[in-house]
Amino acid sequence: MTTTVTSLVDEVLAALATVMDPELDESITELGFVRSVRIDDIGVTVHLRLPTSFCSPNFAYLMASDAQDALRRVEGLGQIVVQLDDHHDSAKINAGLAADAGYVGTFGSEAEDSLEELRRTFLRKAHTAAMERCAAALVRQTDMPVEDLCLITLADIPEGPQKEALLRRRVAIGLGVRPGDPVMVDEDGGPLAAEAVPLRLRFAKSVRISIEGNSHFCRGLLATRYADADGMSTHVTNLRSTR
């Protein structure tokens, strides 16, 4: 049974790695937001931490809720507890998660948008940044006029991590991934006219720079806040019986 228990730990960590920070478009495990994982015969308890105590409550809830949902897809875990530490709304968020109250049930009148609307906003931002990375790289590599980007399709983007990321983002917001689909699209996923491309590309670049800048900033804040942590690693405690 030892192999099975070890495999369960791997499955838990893999599940948490699928949870993304909605603003930074990076995994909570890569960012160091998973503070600890405890597995025993009752179930699994995961503690999350964020760069500051005043991170937006809706971002915090979205990540904690997504972590809970990701763990529920792992068979054989038992009871699942996800808790957010050291946040000004920790008590409210943790109580809502424990009661399965949902976003609106947790925040009541403070919930300005539905959780799905919030999620879609950040998925669109992630797609916009991925689109800019691919389009800008193609311009650099080929000296293509920016206006001609309206003509490029997914088939024109070289294979590699940037294209894979773009395809994932397109799927996430419901855009097609056929080779002939246009790369440069507007906010609604429609094709762009040549004269609209430069403005769209500048906007997309600003979104990408904002995401990348926030990512570096948050990593620095997190490392400073938890400077005594063991290399910002996730502490995994496995107490599940191997008998």
C-alpha atoms as a PDB file:
ATOM      1  CA  MET A   1       0.000   0.000   0.000  1.00  0.00           C
ATOM      2  CA  THR A   2       2.990   2.366   0.359  1.00  0.00           C
ATOM      3  CA  THR A   3       3.079   2.980  -3.390  1.00  0.00           C
ATOM      4  CA  THR A   4      -0.616   3.805  -3.370  1.00  0.00           C
ATOM      5  CA  VAL A   5      -0.193   6.353  -0.576  1.00  0.00           C
ATOM      6  CA  THR A   6       2.785   7.957  -2.317  1.00  0.00           C
ATOM      7  CA  SER A   7       0.785   8.097  -5.539  1.00  0.00           C
ATOM      8  CA  LEU A   8      -2.051   9.837  -3.689  1.00  0.00           C
ATOM      9  CA  VAL A   9       0.331  12.571  -2.546  1.00  0.00           C
ATOM     10  CA  ASP A  10       1.431  13.041  -6.161  1.00  0.00           C
ATOM     11  CA  GLU A  11      -2.204  13.234  -7.296  1.00  0.00           C
ATOM     12  CA  VAL A  12      -3.001  15.873  -4.679  1.00  0.00           C
ATOM     13  CA  LEU A  13      -0.047  18.033  -5.703  1.00  0.00           C
ATOM     14  CA  ALA A  14      -0.872  17.553  -9.401  1.00  0.00           C
ATOM     15  CA  ALA A  15      -4.480  18.603  -8.765  1.00  0.00           C
ATOM     16  CA  LEU A  16      -3.364  21.759  -6.957  1.00  0.00           C
ATOM     17  CA  ALA A  17      -0.997  22.538  -9.842  1.00  0.00           C
ATOM     18  CA  THR A  18      -4.024  22.943 -12.133  1.00  0.00           C
ATOM     19  CA  VAL A  19      -5.340  25.839 -10.041  1.00  0.00           C
ATOM     20  CA  MET A  20      -4.373  29.198 -11.491  1.00  0.00           C
ATOM     21  CA  ASP A  21      -4.031  32.617  -9.938  1.00  0.00           C
ATOM     22  CA  PRO A  22      -6.769  34.445 -11.908  1.00  0.00           C
ATOM     23  CA  GLU A  23      -4.775  37.643 -12.281  1.00  0.00           C
ATOM     24  CA  LEU A  24      -1.259  36.307 -12.822  1.00  0.00           C
ATOM     25  CA  ASP A  25      -2.204  33.295 -14.973  1.00  0.00           C
ATOM     26  CA  GLU A  26       0.237  31.039 -13.115  1.00  0.00           C
ATOM     27  CA  SER A  27      -0.303  27.958 -10.997  1.00  0.00           C
ATOM     28  CA  ILE A  28      -0.698  28.446  -7.242  1.00  0.00           C
ATOM     29  CA  THR A  29       1.962  25.784  -6.750  1.00  0.00           C
ATOM     30  CA  GLU A  30       4.447  27.610  -8.999  1.00  0.00           C
ATOM     31  CA  LEU A  31       3.744  30.866  -7.185  1.00  0.00           C
ATOM     32  CA  GLY A  32       4.265  29.301  -3.754  1.00  0.00           C
ATOM     33  CA  PHE A  33       0.691  29.934  -2.611  1.00  0.00           C
ATOM     34  CA  VAL A  34       0.273  26.364  -1.306  1.00  0.00           C
ATOM     35  CA  ARG A  35       1.608  26.542   2.232  1.00  0.00           C
ATOM     36  CA  SER A  36       1.019  22.978   3.377  1.00  0.00           C
ATOM     37  CA  VAL A  37      -0.705  19.718   2.518  1.00  0.00           C
ATOM     38  CA  ARG A  38      -1.691  17.227   5.222  1.00  0.00           C
ATOM     39  CA  ILE A  39      -3.071  13.812   4.289  1.00  0.00           C
ATOM     40  CA  ASP A  40      -4.382  11.377   6.886  1.00  0.00           C
ATOM     41  CA  ASP A  41      -6.957   8.609   7.157  1.00  0.00           C
ATOM     42  CA  ILE A  42      -9.776  11.161   7.399  1.00  0.00           C
ATOM     43  CA  GLY A  43      -8.884  13.172   4.323  1.00  0.00           C
ATOM     44  CA  VAL A  44      -6.714  16.062   3.125  1.00  0.00           C
ATOM     45  CA  THR A  45      -6.212  19.560   4.535  1.00  0.00           C
ATOM     46  CA  VAL A  46      -4.594  22.245   2.395  1.00  0.00           C
ATOM     47  CA  HIS A  47      -3.505  25.658   3.654  1.00  0.00           C
ATOM     48  CA  LEU A  48      -3.050  28.497   1.173  1.00  0.00           C
ATOM     49  CA  ARG A  49      -1.156  31.765   1.655  1.00  0.00           C
ATOM     50  CA  LEU A  50      -1.037  34.957  -0.404  1.00  0.00           C
ATOM     51  CA  PRO A  51       1.529  37.758  -0.830  1.00  0.00           C
ATOM     52  CA  THR A  52      -0.388  40.207   1.393  1.00  0.00           C
ATOM     53  CA  SER A  53      -3.271  40.144   3.854  1.00  0.00           C
ATOM     54  CA  PHE A  54      -5.199  42.580   1.658  1.00  0.00           C
ATOM     55  CA  CYS A  55      -5.164  40.690  -1.654  1.00  0.00           C
ATOM     56  CA  SER A  56      -8.561  41.084  -3.306  1.00  0.00           C
ATOM     57  CA  PRO A  57     -11.077  38.792  -1.528  1.00  0.00           C
ATOM     58  CA  ASN A  58     -12.642  37.705  -4.828  1.00  0.00           C
ATOM     59  CA  PHE A  59      -9.245  36.566  -6.167  1.00  0.00           C
ATOM     60  CA  ALA A  60      -8.556  34.775  -2.907  1.00  0.00           C
ATOM     61  CA  TYR A  61     -11.922  33.028  -2.873  1.00  0.00           C
ATOM     62  CA  LEU A  62     -11.611  32.012  -6.527  1.00  0.00           C
ATOM     63  CA  MET A  63      -8.279  30.269  -5.921  1.00  0.00           C
ATOM     64  CA  ALA A  64      -9.412  28.589  -2.708  1.00  0.00           C
ATOM     65  CA  SER A  65     -12.659  27.422  -4.305  1.00  0.00           C
ATOM     66  CA  ASP A  66     -10.829  26.140  -7.393  1.00  0.00           C
ATOM     67  CA  ALA A  67      -8.393  24.254  -5.135  1.00  0.00           C
ATOM     68  CA  GLN A  68     -11.328  22.627  -3.365  1.00  0.00           C
ATOM     69  CA  ASP A  69     -12.923  21.652  -6.691  1.00  0.00           C
ATOM     70  CA  ALA A  70      -9.615  20.281  -8.039  1.00  0.00           C
ATOM     71  CA  LEU A  71      -9.165  18.077  -4.963  1.00  0.00           C
ATOM     72  CA  ARG A  72     -12.700  16.754  -5.272  1.00  0.00           C
ATOM     73  CA  ARG A  73     -11.723  15.252  -8.614  1.00  0.00           C
ATOM     74  CA  VAL A  74      -9.072  13.074  -6.920  1.00  0.00           C
ATOM     75  CA  GLU A  75     -10.538   9.701  -5.976  1.00  0.00           C
ATOM     76  CA  GLY A  76     -10.091   8.272  -2.504  1.00  0.00           C
ATOM     77  CA  LEU A  77      -9.197  11.463  -0.637  1.00  0.00           C
ATOM     78  CA  GLY A  78     -12.021  11.445   1.876  1.00  0.00           C
ATOM     79  CA  GLN A  79     -12.816  14.722   3.627  1.00  0.00           C
ATOM     80  CA  ILE A  80     -11.421  17.784   1.844  1.00  0.00           C
ATOM     81  CA  VAL A  81     -10.578  20.972   3.740  1.00  0.00           C
ATOM     82  CA  VAL A  82      -9.077  24.062   2.088  1.00  0.00           C
ATOM     83  CA  GLN A  83      -8.195  27.011   4.283  1.00  0.00           C
ATOM     84  CA  LEU A  84      -6.772  30.442   3.502  1.00  0.00           C
ATOM     85  CA  ASP A  85      -4.266  31.736   6.063  1.00  0.00           C
ATOM     86  CA  ASP A  86      -3.302  35.275   7.099  1.00  0.00           C
ATOM     87  CA  HIS A  87      -5.872  37.150   4.978  1.00  0.00           C
ATOM     88  CA  HIS A  88      -8.172  39.876   6.279  1.00  0.00           C
ATOM     89  CA  ASP A  89     -11.169  37.852   5.051  1.00  0.00           C
ATOM     90  CA  SER A  90      -9.817  34.408   6.003  1.00  0.00           C
ATOM     91  CA  ALA A  91     -12.603  33.701   8.499  1.00  0.00           C
ATOM     92  CA  LYS A  92     -15.348  34.568   6.025  1.00  0.00           C
ATOM     93  CA  ILE A  93     -13.761  32.687   3.121  1.00  0.00           C
ATOM     94  CA  ASN A  94     -12.951  29.598   5.185  1.00  0.00           C
ATOM     95  CA  ALA A  95     -16.469  29.493   6.635  1.00  0.00           C
ATOM     96  CA  GLY A  96     -17.962  29.784   3.154  1.00  0.00           C
ATOM     97  CA  LEU A  97     -15.782  26.988   1.808  1.00  0.00           C
ATOM     98  CA  ALA A  98     -16.597  24.716   4.744  1.00  0.00           C
ATOM     99  CA  ALA A  99     -20.332  25.313   4.287  1.00  0.00           C
ATOM    100  CA  ASP A 100     -20.134  24.969   0.493  1.00  0.00           C
ATOM    101  CA  ALA A 101     -21.952  28.303   0.382  1.00  0.00           C
ATOM    102  CA  GLY A 102     -20.605  29.408  -2.997  1.00  0.00           C
ATOM    103  CA  TYR A 103     -19.268  32.846  -3.871  1.00  0.00           C
ATOM    104  CA  VAL A 104     -22.485  34.812  -3.430  1.00  0.00           C
ATOM    105  CA  GLY A 105     -23.407  32.826  -0.327  1.00  0.00           C
ATOM    106  CA  THR A 106     -20.004  33.617   1.180  1.00  0.00           C
ATOM    107  CA  PHE A 107     -19.911  37.348   0.458  1.00  0.00           C
ATOM    108  CA  GLY A 108     -23.602  38.205   0.179  1.00  0.00           C
ATOM    109  CA  SER A 109     -24.178  41.792  -0.968  1.00  0.00           C
ATOM    110  CA  GLU A 110     -20.403  42.295  -1.267  1.00  0.00           C
ATOM    111  CA  ALA A 111     -20.292  39.923  -4.260  1.00  0.00           C
ATOM    112  CA  GLU A 112     -20.429  42.355  -7.174  1.00  0.00           C
ATOM    113  CA  ASP A 113     -20.277  39.755  -9.939  1.00  0.00           C
ATOM    114  CA  SER A 114     -20.875  36.043 -10.162  1.00  0.00           C
ATOM    115  CA  LEU A 115     -17.838  33.815  -9.792  1.00  0.00           C
ATOM    116  CA  GLU A 116     -18.107  32.690 -13.416  1.00  0.00           C
ATOM    117  CA  GLU A 117     -18.139  36.279 -14.686  1.00  0.00           C
ATOM    118  CA  LEU A 118     -15.045  36.996 -12.630  1.00  0.00           C
ATOM    119  CA  ARG A 119     -13.339  33.857 -13.924  1.00  0.00           C
ATOM    120  CA  ARG A 120     -14.143  34.708 -17.551  1.00  0.00           C
ATOM    121  CA  THR A 121     -12.683  38.203 -17.186  1.00  0.00           C
ATOM    122  CA  PHE A 122      -9.313  36.788 -16.217  1.00  0.00           C
ATOM    123  CA  LEU A 123      -9.417  33.987 -18.775  1.00  0.00           C
ATOM    124  CA  ARG A 124      -9.836  36.647 -21.453  1.00  0.00           C
ATOM    125  CA  LYS A 125      -6.867  38.592 -20.074  1.00  0.00           C
ATOM    126  CA  ALA A 126      -4.745  35.426 -20.127  1.00  0.00           C
ATOM    127  CA  HIS A 127      -5.736  34.783 -23.744  1.00  0.00           C
ATOM    128  CA  THR A 128      -4.956  38.374 -24.736  1.00  0.00           C
ATOM    129  CA  ALA A 129      -1.447  38.090 -23.272  1.00  0.00           C
ATOM    130  CA  ALA A 130      -0.829  34.732 -24.979  1.00  0.00           C
ATOM    131  CA  MET A 131      -2.033  36.140 -28.305  1.00  0.00           C
ATOM    132  CA  GLU A 132       0.367  39.079 -28.021  1.00  0.00           C
ATOM    133  CA  ARG A 133       3.337  36.833 -27.222  1.00  0.00           C
ATOM    134  CA  CYS A 134       2.754  34.742 -30.356  1.00  0.00           C
ATOM    135  CA  ALA A 135       1.999  37.679 -32.665  1.00  0.00           C
ATOM    136  CA  ALA A 136       4.924  39.800 -31.458  1.00  0.00           C
ATOM    137  CA  ALA A 137       7.321  36.854 -31.804  1.00  0.00           C
ATOM    138  CA  LEU A 138       6.180  36.301 -35.395  1.00  0.00           C
ATOM    139  CA  VAL A 139       6.764  39.974 -36.247  1.00  0.00           C
ATOM    140  CA  ARG A 140      10.277  39.825 -34.765  1.00  0.00           C
ATOM    141  CA  GLN A 141      11.158  36.612 -36.581  1.00  0.00           C
ATOM    142  CA  THR A 142       9.809  37.552 -40.014  1.00  0.00           C
ATOM    143  CA  ASP A 143       9.855  41.392 -40.165  1.00  0.00           C
ATOM    144  CA  MET A 144       6.158  41.155 -41.029  1.00  0.00           C
ATOM    145  CA  PRO A 145       4.293  44.494 -41.029  1.00  0.00           C
ATOM    146  CA  VAL A 146       2.081  44.680 -37.967  1.00  0.00           C
ATOM    147  CA  GLU A 147      -0.987  45.340 -40.113  1.00  0.00           C
ATOM    148  CA  ASP A 148      -0.482  41.971 -41.844  1.00  0.00           C
ATOM    149  CA  LEU A 149      -1.093  40.149 -38.575  1.00  0.00           C
ATOM    150  CA  CYS A 150      -4.771  40.207 -39.489  1.00  0.00           C
ATOM    151  CA  LEU A 151      -3.911  37.574 -42.125  1.00  0.00           C
ATOM    152  CA  ILE A 152      -2.063  35.063 -39.948  1.00  0.00           C
ATOM    153  CA  THR A 153      -3.721  31.891 -38.736  1.00  0.00           C
ATOM    154  CA  LEU A 154      -2.859  29.368 -36.068  1.00  0.00           C
ATOM    155  CA  ALA A 155      -1.059  27.334 -38.733  1.00  0.00           C
ATOM    156  CA  ASP A 156       1.439  30.204 -39.124  1.00  0.00           C
ATOM    157  CA  ILE A 157       2.503  30.128 -35.465  1.00  0.00           C
ATOM    158  CA  PRO A 158       5.586  27.913 -34.872  1.00  0.00           C
ATOM    159  CA  GLU A 159       5.079  24.916 -32.616  1.00  0.00           C
ATOM    160  CA  GLY A 160       6.300  25.366 -29.071  1.00  0.00           C
ATOM    161  CA  PRO A 161       5.294  26.441 -25.559  1.00  0.00           C
ATOM    162  CA  GLN A 162       3.908  29.824 -26.650  1.00  0.00           C
ATOM    163  CA  LYS A 163       1.599  28.255 -29.218  1.00  0.00           C
ATOM    164  CA  GLU A 164       0.522  25.553 -26.764  1.00  0.00           C
ATOM    165  CA  ALA A 165      -0.334  28.242 -24.218  1.00  0.00           C
ATOM    166  CA  LEU A 166      -2.303  30.200 -26.808  1.00  0.00           C
ATOM    167  CA  LEU A 167      -4.298  27.126 -27.815  1.00  0.00           C
ATOM    168  CA  ARG A 168      -5.125  26.366 -24.160  1.00  0.00           C
ATOM    169  CA  ARG A 169      -6.295  29.931 -23.613  1.00  0.00           C
ATOM    170  CA  ARG A 170      -8.456  29.843 -26.731  1.00  0.00           C
ATOM    171  CA  VAL A 171     -10.117  26.625 -25.628  1.00  0.00           C
ATOM    172  CA  ALA A 172     -10.738  28.115 -22.172  1.00  0.00           C
ATOM    173  CA  ILE A 173     -12.751  31.029 -23.598  1.00  0.00           C
ATOM    174  CA  GLY A 174     -14.480  29.036 -26.303  1.00  0.00           C
ATOM    175  CA  LEU A 175     -12.471  30.049 -29.392  1.00  0.00           C
ATOM    176  CA  GLY A 176     -11.635  27.617 -32.182  1.00  0.00           C
ATOM    177  CA  VAL A 177      -8.237  25.992 -32.511  1.00  0.00           C
ATOM    178  CA  ARG A 178      -8.363  24.901 -36.153  1.00  0.00           C
ATOM    179  CA  PRO A 179      -5.239  25.640 -38.218  1.00  0.00           C
ATOM    180  CA  GLY A 180      -7.121  28.187 -40.338  1.00  0.00           C
ATOM    181  CA  ASP A 181      -8.505  30.198 -37.426  1.00  0.00           C
ATOM    182  CA  PRO A 182      -7.160  33.784 -37.166  1.00  0.00           C
ATOM    183  CA  VAL A 183      -4.685  34.526 -34.396  1.00  0.00           C
ATOM    184  CA  MET A 184      -5.481  38.202 -33.903  1.00  0.00           C
ATOM    185  CA  VAL A 185      -9.034  38.625 -32.663  1.00  0.00           C
ATOM    186  CA  ASP A 186     -11.011  41.303 -30.845  1.00  0.00           C
ATOM    187  CA  GLU A 187     -12.451  41.090 -27.318  1.00  0.00           C
ATOM    188  CA  ASP A 188     -15.369  39.039 -28.598  1.00  0.00           C
ATOM    189  CA  GLY A 189     -13.181  36.636 -30.576  1.00  0.00           C
ATOM    190  CA  GLY A 190     -13.975  38.161 -33.970  1.00  0.00           C
ATOM    191  CA  PRO A 191     -11.420  38.786 -36.737  1.00  0.00           C
ATOM    192  CA  LEU A 192      -9.694  42.157 -36.985  1.00  0.00           C
ATOM    193  CA  ALA A 193      -9.374  44.511 -39.937  1.00  0.00           C
ATOM    194  CA  ALA A 194      -5.802  45.523 -40.833  1.00  0.00           C
ATOM    195  CA  GLU A 195      -6.233  49.059 -39.507  1.00  0.00           C
ATOM    196  CA  ALA A 196      -7.422  47.754 -36.120  1.00  0.00           C
ATOM    197  CA  VAL A 197      -4.436  45.478 -35.527  1.00  0.00           C
ATOM    198  CA  PRO A 198      -1.832  48.003 -34.235  1.00  0.00           C
ATOM    199  CA  LEU A 199      -4.172  49.319 -31.519  1.00  0.00           C
ATOM    200  CA  ARG A 200      -5.221  45.809 -30.527  1.00  0.00           C
ATOM    201  CA  LEU A 201      -1.581  44.680 -30.346  1.00  0.00           C
ATOM    202  CA  ARG A 202      -0.614  47.672 -28.166  1.00  0.00           C
ATOM    203  CA  PHE A 203      -3.494  46.930 -25.816  1.00  0.00           C
ATOM    204  CA  ALA A 204      -2.549  43.235 -25.688  1.00  0.00           C
ATOM    205  CA  LYS A 205       1.063  44.155 -24.905  1.00  0.00           C
ATOM    206  CA  SER A 206      -0.054  46.313 -21.986  1.00  0.00           C
ATOM    207  CA  VAL A 207      -2.110  43.410 -20.619  1.00  0.00           C
ATOM    208  CA  ARG A 208       0.830  41.019 -20.949  1.00  0.00           C
ATOM    209  CA  ILE A 209       3.279  43.421 -19.272  1.00  0.00           C
ATOM    210  CA  SER A 210       0.804  44.018 -16.451  1.00  0.00           C
ATOM    211  CA  ILE A 211       0.392  40.286 -15.831  1.00  0.00           C
ATOM    212  CA  GLU A 212       4.134  39.610 -15.899  1.00  0.00           C
ATOM    213  CA  GLY A 213       4.911  42.630 -13.715  1.00  0.00           C
ATOM    214  CA  ASN A 214       2.309  41.632 -11.135  1.00  0.00           C
ATOM    215  CA  SER A 215       3.725  38.122 -11.105  1.00  0.00           C
ATOM    216  CA  HIS A 216       7.244  39.325 -10.229  1.00  0.00           C
ATOM    217  CA  PHE A 217       5.853  41.773  -7.671  1.00  0.00           C
ATOM    218  CA  CYS A 218       3.743  39.112  -5.957  1.00  0.00           C
ATOM    219  CA  ARG A 219       6.640  36.665  -5.803  1.00  0.00           C
ATOM    220  CA  GLY A 220       8.745  39.318  -4.090  1.00  0.00           C
ATOM    221  CA  LEU A 221       6.018  40.209  -1.607  1.00  0.00           C
ATOM    222  CA  LEU A 222       5.395  36.557  -0.788  1.00  0.00           C
ATOM    223  CA  ALA A 223       9.086  35.841  -0.228  1.00  0.00           C
ATOM    224  CA  THR A 224       9.365  38.888   2.034  1.00  0.00           C
ATOM    225  CA  ARG A 225       6.221  38.102   4.004  1.00  0.00           C
ATOM    226  CA  TYR A 226       7.264  34.516   4.659  1.00  0.00           C
ATOM    227  CA  ALA A 227      11.019  35.082   4.750  1.00  0.00           C
ATOM    228  CA  ASP A 228      11.446  32.409   7.410  1.00  0.00           C
ATOM    229  CA  ALA A 229       9.731  29.739   5.290  1.00  0.00           C
ATOM    230  CA  ASP A 230      11.766  26.768   4.096  1.00  0.00           C
ATOM    231  CA  GLY A 231      12.617  28.017   0.632  1.00  0.00           C
ATOM    232  CA  MET A 232       8.937  28.826   0.031  1.00  0.00           C
ATOM    233  CA  SER A 233       8.340  25.114  -0.492  1.00  0.00           C
ATOM    234  CA  THR A 234       5.081  23.343   0.220  1.00  0.00           C
ATOM    235  CA  HIS A 235       5.158  21.317   3.425  1.00  0.00           C
ATOM    236  CA  VAL A 236       3.611  17.912   2.784  1.00  0.00           C
ATOM    237  CA  THR A 237       2.631  15.731   5.748  1.00  0.00           C
ATOM    238  CA  ASN A 238       1.443  12.230   4.927  1.00  0.00           C
ATOM    239  CA  LEU A 239      -0.102  10.418   7.877  1.00  0.00           C
ATOM    240  CA  ARG A 240      -2.312   8.053   5.947  1.00  0.00           C
ATOM    241  CA  SER A 241      -2.078   4.456   7.069  1.00  0.00           C
ATOM    242  CA  THR A 242      -0.102   2.157   4.774  1.00  0.00           C
ATOM    243  CA  ARG A 243      -1.623  -0.992   6.212  1.00  0.00           C
END
